[in-house]
């Protein structure tokens, strides 16, 4: 009889509410975007949030936490409870550059890679219509003859855009003075407002102003021309294909997130990157949807993290310990 009672007690314990596995997600998820509204990361994050909500059967609230070149938002992510209810949409700079240049409270081991959302996204340098250069070749010649005369907005000190500029311009002895902003959204506002001579950032953020005749893009940091800006010179055409730089974006979660919850989030975001609406959206922006696995994304991050350490050291931009 005692054995029977013990067995029944075990069954009751297993089905009791306190022991039942919590449904995930059972409440809204917060998606941190470490930039102001309107930039490329913000636009992609909001598009995907709307696509994953029905898949996860919960609200995905996009919360902008700009500052520090993206480090403030990533810091909040790494300090959040690892329960799957706080995520961040990031790009290269905050996680593969800033740990080498700023005293940020996180490193490459302090978060969990979920999935890479986009890739193959070059940066572009655009000017007002009256700028005294008509193409990338003329731009390089101008910047060689008058190094430091012109200013360009970018995504932060030693950010992805500045590194892209340094890789290409340093090779030919050209140069512009970098002016950091909180992201592409802020950069384009300051460019249009006349506070900097050149916009440096992603294509989608500037594209509508190019189409409206308010800007002309002279150089794209890709090895070949891109469909969205077919008249814009590529680095490959200038013999600088090996200095090409591209942006990617992805989703990360706090370190220690349960594997089952990470898998649920990864599955939803990977599925969202394959939705026709998102594929069409990305194609219209000359970007590529990726949607790889968390382990694959982690390898992308690690490889770039280590490569940037070497580049920053060579440029003298590495943080002094």
Foldseek 3Di string as FASTA:
>chain_A
DVVVVVVVVVVCVCPDPVNDDDDPPPEEAEEEEQFDPQFPQNVLVVLLQVQLCVVRVYHYHYDYNYDPLSLRRVLVQLPDDQALRYKYKFKQFNAQWCVFFDPGPDHLQFWFFQWWWWKPWWKFKKFFPPPPADADVRVLVVQQVPPAPFEEEDSDDRGQQVLLCCLQNVVSNGHYHYDYDRHQLVRVVCRLVVVGGMYIHTQVSCLVCVVVNGMAIHEILALDDFPSRNRHDYCVVVVRRVSRGMMIMGMIGGPPRDPVSSVSVLVSSLVSSVDPVNCVVQVNRRIHTDSDGRVVVSVVSVVSSVVNSVSCVVVVSTHDD
